[in-house]
Amino acid sequence: MTTLYRTVMMQPNDNVATALTNIPADNLVHVSCQGKVYEIKVKDDIEFGHKFAVVAIEAGNDVFKYGEVIGISVKDIEVGEHVHIHNVDGKRGRGDKTNETKSTMGL
């Protein structure tokens, strides 16, 4: 019996999808978004609400979710790998990265 795991990917430029159910490692997942279809074998357990890569993301590249940049990869991320704080540095809401903060710090 094949289990269908629910996921969401909102924009065709996204490089991650979000699990809408828990997805055990080594399972095949189908992700579709506006005509793009991916068949991905997840490498890690992906919990509800967590992200996984739908394409390879090289270290230093932006991570896109819902059509927005949510962070930058700190290491190479393989297709199907869990995308979270262990391999992404957030860009959103980072007060320490604003120009105003840098200027008050003498940078």
C-alpha atoms as a PDB file:
ATOM      1  CA  MET A   1       0.000   0.000   0.000  1.00  0.00           C
ATOM      2  CA  THR A   2       1.311   3.446  -0.944  1.00  0.00           C
ATOM      3  CA  THR A   3       1.021   6.271   1.551  1.00  0.00           C
ATOM      4  CA  LEU A   4       0.371   9.735   0.161  1.00  0.00           C
ATOM      5  CA  TYR A   5       2.079  12.418   2.201  1.00  0.00           C
ATOM      6  CA  ARG A   6       0.614  15.910   2.026  1.00  0.00           C
ATOM      7  CA  THR A   7       2.949  18.821   1.323  1.00  0.00           C
ATOM      8  CA  VAL A   8       2.701  22.432   0.198  1.00  0.00           C
ATOM      9  CA  MET A   9       4.902  24.423  -2.150  1.00  0.00           C
ATOM     10  CA  MET A  10       3.374  27.803  -3.020  1.00  0.00           C
ATOM     11  CA  GLN A  11       5.608  29.375  -5.678  1.00  0.00           C
ATOM     12  CA  PRO A  12       7.527  27.813  -8.582  1.00  0.00           C
ATOM     13  CA  ASN A  13      10.766  29.532  -7.478  1.00  0.00           C
ATOM     14  CA  ASP A  14      10.581  27.904  -4.012  1.00  0.00           C
ATOM     15  CA  ASN A  15      13.372  25.437  -3.349  1.00  0.00           C
ATOM     16  CA  VAL A  16      11.694  23.870  -0.314  1.00  0.00           C
ATOM     17  CA  ALA A  17       8.303  22.327   0.404  1.00  0.00           C
ATOM     18  CA  THR A  18       6.548  22.062   3.758  1.00  0.00           C
ATOM     19  CA  ALA A  19       5.230  18.807   5.210  1.00  0.00           C
ATOM     20  CA  LEU A  20       1.536  18.873   6.122  1.00  0.00           C
ATOM     21  CA  THR A  21       1.889  15.469   7.794  1.00  0.00           C
ATOM     22  CA  ASN A  22       4.829  13.708   9.406  1.00  0.00           C
ATOM     23  CA  ILE A  23       6.940  12.075   6.691  1.00  0.00           C
ATOM     24  CA  PRO A  24       9.249   9.236   7.736  1.00  0.00           C
ATOM     25  CA  ALA A  25      12.742   9.100   6.211  1.00  0.00           C
ATOM     26  CA  ASP A  26      13.248   7.134   2.990  1.00  0.00           C
ATOM     27  CA  ASN A  27       9.687   7.685   1.748  1.00  0.00           C
ATOM     28  CA  LEU A  28       8.784   8.925  -1.701  1.00  0.00           C
ATOM     29  CA  VAL A  29       6.873  12.210  -1.815  1.00  0.00           C
ATOM     30  CA  HIS A  30       5.205  13.920  -4.769  1.00  0.00           C
ATOM     31  CA  VAL A  31       5.276  17.720  -4.687  1.00  0.00           C
ATOM     32  CA  SER A  32       3.546  19.848  -7.293  1.00  0.00           C
ATOM     33  CA  CYS A  33       3.382  23.599  -7.753  1.00  0.00           C
ATOM     34  CA  GLN A  34       1.930  25.468 -10.715  1.00  0.00           C
ATOM     35  CA  GLY A  35       2.845  22.825 -13.267  1.00  0.00           C
ATOM     36  CA  LYS A  36       6.147  21.788 -11.686  1.00  0.00           C
ATOM     37  CA  VAL A  37       6.131  18.261 -10.309  1.00  0.00           C
ATOM     38  CA  TYR A  38       8.834  16.745  -8.134  1.00  0.00           C
ATOM     39  CA  GLU A  39       9.241  13.163  -6.973  1.00  0.00           C
ATOM     40  CA  ILE A  40      11.463  13.244  -3.924  1.00  0.00           C
ATOM     41  CA  LYS A  41      12.777  10.594  -1.581  1.00  0.00           C
ATOM     42  CA  VAL A  42      13.089  12.319   1.783  1.00  0.00           C
ATOM     43  CA  LYS A  43      16.384  11.616   3.499  1.00  0.00           C
ATOM     44  CA  ASP A  44      15.345  12.506   7.056  1.00  0.00           C
ATOM     45  CA  ASP A  45      12.218  12.297   9.179  1.00  0.00           C
ATOM     46  CA  ILE A  46      10.266  15.458   8.345  1.00  0.00           C
ATOM     47  CA  GLU A  47       7.844  16.582  11.031  1.00  0.00           C
ATOM     48  CA  PHE A  48       4.572  18.392  10.342  1.00  0.00           C
ATOM     49  CA  GLY A  49       5.304  22.009   9.445  1.00  0.00           C
ATOM     50  CA  HIS A  50       8.973  21.415   8.694  1.00  0.00           C
ATOM     51  CA  LYS A  51      10.675  21.970   5.334  1.00  0.00           C
ATOM     52  CA  PHE A  52      12.629  19.736   2.995  1.00  0.00           C
ATOM     53  CA  ALA A  53      14.607  20.566  -0.134  1.00  0.00           C
ATOM     54  CA  VAL A  54      12.913  19.940  -3.491  1.00  0.00           C
ATOM     55  CA  VAL A  55      16.111  20.830  -5.364  1.00  0.00           C
ATOM     56  CA  ALA A  56      19.750  20.865  -4.293  1.00  0.00           C
ATOM     57  CA  ILE A  57      20.690  24.106  -2.523  1.00  0.00           C
ATOM     58  CA  GLU A  58      24.360  25.025  -2.521  1.00  0.00           C
ATOM     59  CA  ALA A  59      25.992  26.595   0.528  1.00  0.00           C
ATOM     60  CA  GLY A  60      25.578  30.367   0.486  1.00  0.00           C
ATOM     61  CA  ASN A  61      22.405  30.332  -1.640  1.00  0.00           C
ATOM     62  CA  ASP A  62      19.058  31.756  -0.607  1.00  0.00           C
ATOM     63  CA  VAL A  63      16.326  29.454   0.657  1.00  0.00           C
ATOM     64  CA  PHE A  64      12.907  30.306  -0.808  1.00  0.00           C
ATOM     65  CA  LYS A  65       9.576  29.430   0.823  1.00  0.00           C
ATOM     66  CA  TYR A  66       6.206  30.871  -0.264  1.00  0.00           C
ATOM     67  CA  GLY A  67       8.092  32.916  -2.876  1.00  0.00           C
ATOM     68  CA  GLU A  68      10.135  34.744  -0.219  1.00  0.00           C
ATOM     69  CA  VAL A  69      13.719  34.421   0.924  1.00  0.00           C
ATOM     70  CA  ILE A  70      13.638  32.955   4.424  1.00  0.00           C
ATOM     71  CA  GLY A  71      17.339  32.329   4.920  1.00  0.00           C
ATOM     72  CA  ILE A  72      20.683  31.382   3.491  1.00  0.00           C
ATOM     73  CA  SER A  73      22.066  27.862   3.392  1.00  0.00           C
ATOM     74  CA  VAL A  74      25.139  27.425   5.576  1.00  0.00           C
ATOM     75  CA  LYS A  75      26.077  24.142   3.887  1.00  0.00           C
ATOM     76  CA  ASP A  76      25.110  22.194   0.787  1.00  0.00           C
ATOM     77  CA  ILE A  77      21.599  20.790   1.163  1.00  0.00           C
ATOM     78  CA  GLU A  78      20.649  17.700  -0.834  1.00  0.00           C
ATOM     79  CA  VAL A  79      17.270  17.012  -2.414  1.00  0.00           C
ATOM     80  CA  GLY A  80      15.016  15.478   0.233  1.00  0.00           C
ATOM     81  CA  GLU A  81      17.075  16.734   3.170  1.00  0.00           C
ATOM     82  CA  HIS A  82      15.429  18.396   6.174  1.00  0.00           C
ATOM     83  CA  VAL A  83      15.837  22.190   5.945  1.00  0.00           C
ATOM     84  CA  HIS A  84      16.001  23.791   9.387  1.00  0.00           C
ATOM     85  CA  ILE A  85      18.298  25.699  11.752  1.00  0.00           C
ATOM     86  CA  HIS A  86      21.122  23.158  11.381  1.00  0.00           C
ATOM     87  CA  ASN A  87      21.662  24.078   7.712  1.00  0.00           C
ATOM     88  CA  VAL A  88      20.003  27.505   7.253  1.00  0.00           C
ATOM     89  CA  ASP A  89      20.776  30.869   8.797  1.00  0.00           C
ATOM     90  CA  GLY A  90      17.642  33.033   8.932  1.00  0.00           C
ATOM     91  CA  LYS A  91      17.515  36.389   7.167  1.00  0.00           C
ATOM     92  CA  ARG A  92      14.061  37.538   8.234  1.00  0.00           C
ATOM     93  CA  GLY A  93      13.653  39.571  11.390  1.00  0.00           C
ATOM     94  CA  ARG A  94      17.390  39.735  12.003  1.00  0.00           C
ATOM     95  CA  GLY A  95      17.831  43.039  13.846  1.00  0.00           C
ATOM     96  CA  ASP A  96      21.542  42.355  14.063  1.00  0.00           C
ATOM     97  CA  LYS A  97      21.779  42.476  10.268  1.00  0.00           C
ATOM     98  CA  THR A  98      20.138  45.874   9.655  1.00  0.00           C
ATOM     99  CA  ASN A  99      22.075  48.941   8.540  1.00  0.00           C
ATOM    100  CA  GLU A 100      20.800  50.886  11.563  1.00  0.00           C
ATOM    101  CA  THR A 101      22.205  48.320  13.982  1.00  0.00           C
ATOM    102  CA  LYS A 102      25.519  48.193  12.135  1.00  0.00           C
ATOM    103  CA  SER A 103      25.872  51.980  12.298  1.00  0.00           C
ATOM    104  CA  THR A 104      25.221  52.060  16.055  1.00  0.00           C
ATOM    105  CA  MET A 105      27.902  49.423  16.481  1.00  0.00           C
ATOM    106  CA  GLY A 106      30.439  51.485  14.556  1.00  0.00           C
ATOM    107  CA  LEU A 107      30.433  49.153  11.546  1.00  0.00           C
END
